[in-house]
Amino acid sequence: MNKSEILQIIQDKLSAKIENLERLINETRASNNETKSSMGDKFETSREMIQQEINTLQIQLNENRNARNSLKQNNTNLHQTIGLGSLVETDKGLFYIAVSLGEIIFNEKKIFVISTESPLGKILFGKKKDAEISLNNMKQKIIKIW
């Protein structure tokens, strides 16, 4: 497996999310400007709800930017023990330890991109090939680490 190509897919997906969030924030700000009126509390409540939405989007944007920046620390060399930048094959699936992103497809295979802070990421961290882990009463055996 080419971890550099997988890392590029992850970066592209995060960049697309960032662009989408930036667009949503700009559109929401524009709609907030359109609600300015002297008609009273009804419009102030609407503007406050829009501002809360902008704040929520801004938090998501910052999280995705931080995730994209943290990818620069990923080590694409082969690993003996699981850590940041490891690609792990278990008997239940493929996992890339990087950021919390979810599922990607690479060479027609599903890879779950998880962070070291996720429950599975915490359990996998520091493990070696042939180790067995258990999460939610489901056992998995580590088959290969890249």
N, C-alpha and C. Protein backbone atom coordinates (compact mmCIF):
# COMPACT_ATOMS: atom_id res chain seq x y z
N MET A 1 0.84 -1.18 0.00
CA MET A 1 0.00 0.00 0.00
C MET A 1 0.88 1.25 0.00
N ASN A 2 0.51 2.21 -0.80
CA ASN A 2 1.28 3.44 -0.87
C ASN A 2 0.67 4.47 0.09
N LYS A 3 1.31 4.62 1.24
CA LYS A 3 0.78 5.52 2.27
C LYS A 3 0.81 6.98 1.82
N SER A 4 1.75 7.35 0.96
CA SER A 4 1.81 8.73 0.47
C SER A 4 0.56 9.07 -0.34
N GLU A 5 0.10 8.11 -1.15
CA GLU A 5 -1.12 8.33 -1.94
C GLU A 5 -2.35 8.40 -1.04
N ILE A 6 -2.38 7.57 -0.02
CA ILE A 6 -3.50 7.60 0.94
C ILE A 6 -3.51 8.93 1.67
N LEU A 7 -2.34 9.38 2.09
CA LEU A 7 -2.22 10.67 2.78
C LEU A 7 -2.70 11.80 1.88
N GLN A 8 -2.41 11.74 0.58
CA GLN A 8 -2.86 12.76 -0.36
C GLN A 8 -4.39 12.77 -0.47
N ILE A 9 -5.00 11.59 -0.48
CA ILE A 9 -6.47 11.50 -0.52
C ILE A 9 -7.06 12.15 0.73
N ILE A 10 -6.46 11.89 1.88
CA ILE A 10 -6.94 12.47 3.14
C ILE A 10 -6.80 13.99 3.09
N GLN A 11 -5.65 14.49 2.64
CA GLN A 11 -5.44 15.94 2.54
C GLN A 11 -6.45 16.57 1.59
N ASP A 12 -6.70 15.92 0.46
CA ASP A 12 -7.66 16.45 -0.51
C ASP A 12 -9.06 16.50 0.08
N LYS A 13 -9.44 15.45 0.81
CA LYS A 13 -10.76 15.41 1.42
C LYS A 13 -10.92 16.51 2.48
N LEU A 14 -9.88 16.70 3.29
CA LEU A 14 -9.92 17.77 4.29
C LEU A 14 -9.96 19.15 3.63
N SER A 15 -9.21 19.33 2.56
CA SER A 15 -9.22 20.62 1.85
C SER A 15 -10.60 20.90 1.27
N ALA A 16 -11.26 19.89 0.75
CA ALA A 16 -12.61 20.07 0.21
C ALA A 16 -13.59 20.44 1.32
N LYS A 17 -13.44 19.81 2.50
CA LYS A 17 -14.30 20.15 3.63
C LYS A 17 -14.06 21.59 4.07
N ILE A 18 -12.80 22.01 4.09
CA ILE A 18 -12.46 23.37 4.49
C ILE A 18 -13.06 24.38 3.52
N GLU A 19 -12.92 24.13 2.22
CA GLU A 19 -13.50 25.03 1.21
C GLU A 19 -15.02 25.11 1.36
N ASN A 20 -15.66 23.99 1.61
CA ASN A 20 -17.11 23.97 1.78
C ASN A 20 -17.53 24.76 3.02
N LEU A 21 -16.81 24.59 4.13
CA LEU A 21 -17.13 25.33 5.34
C LEU A 21 -16.91 26.83 5.16
N GLU A 22 -15.84 27.20 4.47
CA GLU A 22 -15.60 28.63 4.21
C GLU A 22 -16.73 29.22 3.37
N ARG A 23 -17.20 28.47 2.37
CA ARG A 23 -18.31 28.93 1.53
C ARG A 23 -19.59 29.08 2.37
N LEU A 24 -19.87 28.08 3.22
CA LEU A 24 -21.06 28.14 4.07
C LEU A 24 -21.01 29.34 5.02
N ILE A 25 -19.84 29.60 5.59
CA ILE A 25 -19.70 30.75 6.49
C ILE A 25 -19.97 32.04 5.74
N ASN A 26 -19.40 32.19 4.55
CA ASN A 26 -19.62 33.40 3.76
C ASN A 26 -21.09 33.57 3.39
N GLU A 27 -21.74 32.49 2.99
CA GLU A 27 -23.16 32.55 2.63
C GLU A 27 -24.01 32.90 3.84
N THR A 28 -23.68 32.32 4.98
CA THR A 28 -24.44 32.58 6.20
C THR A 28 -24.24 34.02 6.66
N ARG A 29 -23.02 34.53 6.54
CA ARG A 29 -22.77 35.94 6.89
C ARG A 29 -23.57 36.86 5.98
N ALA A 30 -23.62 36.53 4.69
CA ALA A 30 -24.38 37.35 3.75
C ALA A 30 -25.86 37.35 4.12
N SER A 31 -26.40 36.19 4.50
CA SER A 31 -27.81 36.15 4.88
C SER A 31 -28.05 36.88 6.19
N ASN A 32 -27.04 36.92 7.07
CA ASN A 32 -27.16 37.65 8.32
C ASN A 32 -27.26 39.15 8.05
N ASN A 33 -26.51 39.64 7.07
CA ASN A 33 -26.56 41.05 6.71
C ASN A 33 -27.92 41.42 6.12
N GLU A 34 -28.56 40.47 5.44
CA GLU A 34 -29.86 40.73 4.83
C GLU A 34 -30.98 40.83 5.86
N THR A 35 -30.77 40.28 7.06
CA THR A 35 -31.84 40.31 8.06
C THR A 35 -31.82 41.59 8.90
N LYS A 36 -30.87 42.49 8.65
CA LYS A 36 -30.83 43.72 9.40
C LYS A 36 -32.09 44.54 9.11
N SER A 37 -32.77 44.88 10.17
CA SER A 37 -34.03 45.60 10.02
C SER A 37 -34.34 46.33 11.31
N SER A 38 -35.29 47.25 11.23
CA SER A 38 -35.71 47.98 12.43
C SER A 38 -37.06 47.46 12.91
N MET A 39 -37.42 46.23 12.53
CA MET A 39 -38.75 45.72 12.84
C MET A 39 -38.82 45.03 14.20
N GLY A 40 -37.76 45.01 14.99
CA GLY A 40 -37.90 44.55 16.35
C GLY A 40 -37.22 43.23 16.68
N ASP A 41 -37.71 42.65 17.80
CA ASP A 41 -37.08 41.47 18.40
C ASP A 41 -37.07 40.25 17.49
N LYS A 42 -38.07 40.09 16.67
CA LYS A 42 -38.15 38.91 15.79
C LYS A 42 -36.89 38.81 14.93
N PHE A 43 -36.46 39.92 14.39
CA PHE A 43 -35.29 39.92 13.53
C PHE A 43 -34.00 39.78 14.33
N GLU A 44 -33.99 40.33 15.55
CA GLU A 44 -32.81 40.18 16.40
C GLU A 44 -32.60 38.71 16.78
N THR A 45 -33.70 38.02 17.06
CA THR A 45 -33.61 36.59 17.38
C THR A 45 -33.10 35.81 16.17
N SER A 46 -33.59 36.14 15.00
CA SER A 46 -33.14 35.48 13.78
C SER A 46 -31.65 35.74 13.54
N ARG A 47 -31.23 36.96 13.73
CA ARG A 47 -29.82 37.29 13.54
C ARG A 47 -28.95 36.56 14.55
N GLU A 48 -29.42 36.42 15.79
CA GLU A 48 -28.66 35.70 16.81
C GLU A 48 -28.53 34.22 16.44
N MET A 49 -29.58 33.62 15.92
CA MET A 49 -29.53 32.22 15.51
C MET A 49 -28.55 32.04 14.35
N ILE A 50 -28.53 32.99 13.43
CA ILE A 50 -27.59 32.92 12.32
C ILE A 50 -26.17 33.07 12.83
N GLN A 51 -25.96 33.96 13.80
CA GLN A 51 -24.62 34.14 14.37
C GLN A 51 -24.16 32.86 15.07
N GLN A 52 -25.06 32.17 15.75
CA GLN A 52 -24.71 30.91 16.40
C GLN A 52 -24.31 29.86 15.36
N GLU A 53 -25.01 29.85 14.23
CA GLU A 53 -24.67 28.93 13.15
C GLU A 53 -23.28 29.25 12.59
N ILE A 54 -22.98 30.53 12.43
CA ILE A 54 -21.65 30.94 11.97
C ILE A 54 -20.59 30.47 12.95
N ASN A 55 -20.84 30.63 14.24
CA ASN A 55 -19.89 30.20 15.26
C ASN A 55 -19.64 28.69 15.20
N THR A 56 -20.71 27.92 15.01
CA THR A 56 -20.59 26.47 14.90
C THR A 56 -19.76 26.09 13.67
N LEU A 57 -20.04 26.73 12.55
CA LEU A 57 -19.29 26.47 11.32
C LEU A 57 -17.82 26.85 11.49
N GLN A 58 -17.57 27.96 12.20
CA GLN A 58 -16.20 28.42 12.42
C GLN A 58 -15.42 27.40 13.26
N ILE A 59 -16.07 26.81 14.26
CA ILE A 59 -15.42 25.78 15.08
C ILE A 59 -15.05 24.59 14.21
N GLN A 60 -15.99 24.14 13.36
CA GLN A 60 -15.72 23.02 12.46
C GLN A 60 -14.58 23.35 11.50
N LEU A 61 -14.57 24.58 11.00
CA LEU A 61 -13.51 25.01 10.09
C LEU A 61 -12.16 24.94 10.78
N ASN A 62 -12.07 25.46 12.00
CA ASN A 62 -10.81 25.44 12.74
C ASN A 62 -10.35 24.01 13.02
N GLU A 63 -11.29 23.12 13.37
CA GLU A 63 -10.93 21.72 13.63
C GLU A 63 -10.37 21.07 12.37
N ASN A 64 -10.98 21.34 11.22
CA ASN A 64 -10.50 20.76 9.97
C ASN A 64 -9.15 21.35 9.56
N ARG A 65 -8.95 22.63 9.79
CA ARG A 65 -7.64 23.23 9.50
C ARG A 65 -6.57 22.62 10.39
N ASN A 66 -6.88 22.45 11.67
CA ASN A 66 -5.92 21.84 12.60
C ASN A 66 -5.61 20.41 12.18
N ALA A 67 -6.64 19.68 11.75
CA ALA A 67 -6.43 18.29 11.29
C ALA A 67 -5.51 18.28 10.07
N ARG A 68 -5.76 19.19 9.13
CA ARG A 68 -4.92 19.24 7.93
C ARG A 68 -3.48 19.57 8.30
N ASN A 69 -3.29 20.49 9.23
CA ASN A 69 -1.94 20.85 9.67
C ASN A 69 -1.25 19.68 10.38
N SER A 70 -2.02 18.90 11.14
CA SER A 70 -1.42 17.78 11.88
C SER A 70 -0.96 16.67 10.93
N LEU A 71 -1.53 16.62 9.72
CA LEU A 71 -1.10 15.61 8.75
C LEU A 71 0.35 15.78 8.34
N LYS A 72 0.87 16.99 8.50
CA LYS A 72 2.27 17.25 8.14
C LYS A 72 3.22 16.47 9.04
N GLN A 73 2.74 16.06 10.22
CA GLN A 73 3.58 15.32 11.16
C GLN A 73 3.54 13.82 10.90
N ASN A 74 2.66 13.37 10.00
CA ASN A 74 2.53 11.94 9.74
C ASN A 74 3.80 11.36 9.11
N ASN A 75 4.19 10.24 9.62
CA ASN A 75 5.36 9.53 9.14
C ASN A 75 4.89 8.46 8.15
N THR A 76 5.27 8.60 6.89
CA THR A 76 4.83 7.64 5.87
C THR A 76 5.81 6.48 5.72
N ASN A 77 6.85 6.43 6.55
CA ASN A 77 7.76 5.27 6.54
C ASN A 77 7.05 4.06 7.12
N LEU A 78 7.63 2.89 6.93
CA LEU A 78 7.06 1.68 7.51
C LEU A 78 7.21 1.72 9.03
N HIS A 79 6.23 1.18 9.71
CA HIS A 79 6.21 1.19 11.17
C HIS A 79 6.30 -0.23 11.70
N GLN A 80 6.98 -0.40 12.81
CA GLN A 80 6.99 -1.68 13.53
C GLN A 80 5.91 -1.70 14.60
N THR A 81 5.67 -0.53 15.19
CA THR A 81 4.58 -0.39 16.16
C THR A 81 3.63 0.68 15.65
N ILE A 82 2.39 0.57 16.06
CA ILE A 82 1.35 1.48 15.56
C ILE A 82 1.47 2.84 16.22
N GLY A 83 1.47 3.87 15.39
CA GLY A 83 1.51 5.24 15.85
C GLY A 83 0.92 6.15 14.78
N LEU A 84 1.10 7.44 14.95
CA LEU A 84 0.61 8.41 13.99
C LEU A 84 1.22 8.13 12.62
N GLY A 85 0.39 7.98 11.62
CA GLY A 85 0.85 7.70 10.27
C GLY A 85 0.88 6.22 9.92
N SER A 86 0.48 5.36 10.86
CA SER A 86 0.47 3.92 10.58
C SER A 86 -0.77 3.54 9.78
N LEU A 87 -0.57 2.62 8.86
CA LEU A 87 -1.67 1.96 8.17
C LEU A 87 -1.73 0.56 8.76
N VAL A 88 -2.89 0.20 9.30
CA VAL A 88 -3.02 -1.05 10.04
C VAL A 88 -4.07 -1.93 9.39
N GLU A 89 -3.70 -3.17 9.15
CA GLU A 89 -4.67 -4.15 8.67
C GLU A 89 -4.97 -5.11 9.82
N THR A 90 -6.25 -5.20 10.17
CA THR A 90 -6.69 -6.21 11.14
C THR A 90 -7.58 -7.19 10.40
N ASP A 91 -8.00 -8.23 11.08
CA ASP A 91 -8.91 -9.17 10.44
C ASP A 91 -10.31 -8.59 10.25
N LYS A 92 -10.53 -7.36 10.73
CA LYS A 92 -11.83 -6.68 10.58
C LYS A 92 -11.79 -5.51 9.60
N GLY A 93 -10.60 -5.07 9.19
CA GLY A 93 -10.54 -3.96 8.25
C GLY A 93 -9.19 -3.26 8.23
N LEU A 94 -9.15 -2.17 7.44
CA LEU A 94 -7.94 -1.34 7.30
C LEU A 94 -8.18 -0.02 8.02
N PHE A 95 -7.16 0.43 8.74
CA PHE A 95 -7.26 1.68 9.50
C PHE A 95 -5.99 2.50 9.28
N TYR A 96 -6.18 3.79 9.01
CA TYR A 96 -5.06 4.71 8.88
C TYR A 96 -5.12 5.63 10.08
N ILE A 97 -4.06 5.65 10.86
CA ILE A 97 -4.02 6.45 12.09
C ILE A 97 -3.51 7.84 11.74
N ALA A 98 -4.43 8.80 11.73
CA ALA A 98 -4.05 10.17 11.36
C ALA A 98 -4.99 11.17 12.05
N VAL A 99 -6.12 11.41 11.43
CA VAL A 99 -7.12 12.35 11.94
C VAL A 99 -8.48 11.67 11.86
N SER A 100 -9.42 12.22 12.56
CA SER A 100 -10.77 11.67 12.52
C SER A 100 -11.45 12.14 11.24
N LEU A 101 -11.58 11.24 10.27
CA LEU A 101 -12.13 11.63 8.97
C LEU A 101 -13.20 10.66 8.48
N GLY A 102 -13.14 9.43 8.92
CA GLY A 102 -14.11 8.45 8.45
C GLY A 102 -13.53 7.60 7.34
N GLU A 103 -14.41 7.14 6.49
CA GLU A 103 -14.04 6.16 5.46
C GLU A 103 -13.56 6.83 4.18
N ILE A 104 -12.49 6.26 3.61
CA ILE A 104 -12.05 6.63 2.27
C ILE A 104 -11.90 5.34 1.46
N ILE A 105 -11.87 5.47 0.16
CA ILE A 105 -11.66 4.33 -0.71
C ILE A 105 -10.31 4.52 -1.41
N PHE A 106 -9.47 3.48 -1.34
CA PHE A 106 -8.17 3.50 -2.00
C PHE A 106 -7.97 2.14 -2.65
N ASN A 107 -7.74 2.15 -3.97
CA ASN A 107 -7.58 0.90 -4.73
C ASN A 107 -8.72 -0.08 -4.44
N GLU A 108 -9.93 0.46 -4.44
CA GLU A 108 -11.16 -0.31 -4.23
C GLU A 108 -11.25 -0.97 -2.85
N LYS A 109 -10.48 -0.45 -1.88
CA LYS A 109 -10.54 -0.95 -0.51
C LYS A 109 -10.98 0.17 0.41
N LYS A 110 -11.81 -0.19 1.37
CA LYS A 110 -12.24 0.78 2.39
C LYS A 110 -11.14 0.91 3.43
N ILE A 111 -10.81 2.15 3.71
CA ILE A 111 -9.85 2.43 4.79
C ILE A 111 -10.53 3.42 5.72
N PHE A 112 -10.54 3.11 7.01
CA PHE A 112 -11.12 4.00 7.99
C PHE A 112 -10.01 4.87 8.57
N VAL A 113 -10.15 6.17 8.37
CA VAL A 113 -9.15 7.13 8.85
C VAL A 113 -9.59 7.57 10.25
N ILE A 114 -8.77 7.21 11.24
CA ILE A 114 -9.12 7.49 12.63
C ILE A 114 -7.99 8.25 13.32
N SER A 115 -8.33 8.93 14.38
CA SER A 115 -7.31 9.67 15.14
C SER A 115 -6.78 8.81 16.28
N THR A 116 -5.68 9.24 16.83
CA THR A 116 -5.11 8.54 17.99
C THR A 116 -5.98 8.74 19.22
N GLU A 117 -6.90 9.70 19.16
CA GLU A 117 -7.78 9.99 20.29
C GLU A 117 -9.08 9.19 20.25
N SER A 118 -9.34 8.51 19.13
CA SER A 118 -10.56 7.69 19.03
C SER A 118 -10.39 6.46 19.91
N PRO A 119 -11.49 5.84 20.33
CA PRO A 119 -11.37 4.63 21.16
C PRO A 119 -10.50 3.55 20.50
N LEU A 120 -10.71 3.28 19.21
CA LEU A 120 -9.89 2.27 18.53
C LEU A 120 -8.46 2.74 18.38
N GLY A 121 -8.27 4.02 18.07
CA GLY A 121 -6.92 4.57 17.93
C GLY A 121 -6.12 4.44 19.22
N LYS A 122 -6.78 4.68 20.35
CA LYS A 122 -6.10 4.55 21.65
C LYS A 122 -5.68 3.11 21.92
N ILE A 123 -6.55 2.17 21.56
CA ILE A 123 -6.24 0.76 21.79
C ILE A 123 -5.12 0.28 20.86
N LEU A 124 -5.15 0.71 19.61
CA LEU A 124 -4.15 0.28 18.64
C LEU A 124 -2.77 0.88 18.91
N PHE A 125 -2.73 2.10 19.43
CA PHE A 125 -1.48 2.84 19.60
C PHE A 125 -0.46 2.01 20.38
N GLY A 126 0.72 1.85 19.78
CA GLY A 126 1.82 1.15 20.42
C GLY A 126 1.82 -0.37 20.23
N LYS A 127 0.76 -0.89 19.63
CA LYS A 127 0.69 -2.34 19.40
C LYS A 127 1.56 -2.76 18.22
N LYS A 128 1.85 -4.06 18.17
CA LYS A 128 2.68 -4.63 17.10
C LYS A 128 1.89 -5.68 16.34
N LYS A 129 2.47 -6.10 15.22
CA LYS A 129 1.87 -7.15 14.40
C LYS A 129 1.58 -8.38 15.26
N ASP A 130 0.48 -9.05 14.97
CA ASP A 130 0.01 -10.27 15.64
C ASP A 130 -0.63 -10.01 17.01
N ALA A 131 -0.63 -8.78 17.47
CA ALA A 131 -1.30 -8.48 18.74
C ALA A 131 -2.81 -8.60 18.54
N GLU A 132 -3.49 -8.95 19.61
CA GLU A 132 -4.95 -9.00 19.59
C GLU A 132 -5.48 -7.89 20.47
N ILE A 133 -6.54 -7.24 19.98
CA ILE A 133 -7.17 -6.16 20.73
C ILE A 133 -8.66 -6.47 20.85
N SER A 134 -9.31 -5.77 21.76
CA SER A 134 -10.75 -5.94 21.93
C SER A 134 -11.38 -4.57 22.15
N LEU A 135 -12.43 -4.31 21.41
CA LEU A 135 -13.19 -3.06 21.56
C LEU A 135 -14.66 -3.42 21.44
N ASN A 136 -15.44 -3.02 22.43
CA ASN A 136 -16.88 -3.32 22.44
C ASN A 136 -17.15 -4.82 22.26
N ASN A 137 -16.41 -5.61 22.97
CA ASN A 137 -16.53 -7.07 22.93
C ASN A 137 -16.28 -7.68 21.55
N MET A 138 -15.58 -6.95 20.69
CA MET A 138 -15.21 -7.47 19.39
C MET A 138 -13.69 -7.56 19.33
N LYS A 139 -13.21 -8.78 19.15
CA LYS A 139 -11.76 -8.99 19.09
C LYS A 139 -11.27 -8.82 17.66
N GLN A 140 -10.06 -8.26 17.56
CA GLN A 140 -9.41 -8.09 16.27
C GLN A 140 -7.95 -8.49 16.42
N LYS A 141 -7.41 -9.05 15.35
CA LYS A 141 -5.99 -9.39 15.33
C LYS A 141 -5.30 -8.50 14.32
N ILE A 142 -4.17 -7.94 14.72
CA ILE A 142 -3.39 -7.08 13.83
C ILE A 142 -2.59 -7.98 12.88
N ILE A 143 -2.88 -7.84 11.60
CA ILE A 143 -2.26 -8.69 10.58
C ILE A 143 -1.00 -8.04 9.99
N LYS A 144 -1.09 -6.74 9.72
CA LYS A 144 0.03 -6.06 9.08
C LYS A 144 0.03 -4.58 9.47
N ILE A 145 1.24 -4.02 9.53
CA ILE A 145 1.42 -2.59 9.81
C ILE A 145 2.33 -2.02 8.74
N TRP A 146 1.90 -0.92 8.14
CA TRP A 146 2.75 -0.24 7.16
C TRP A 146 3.23 1.07 7.76
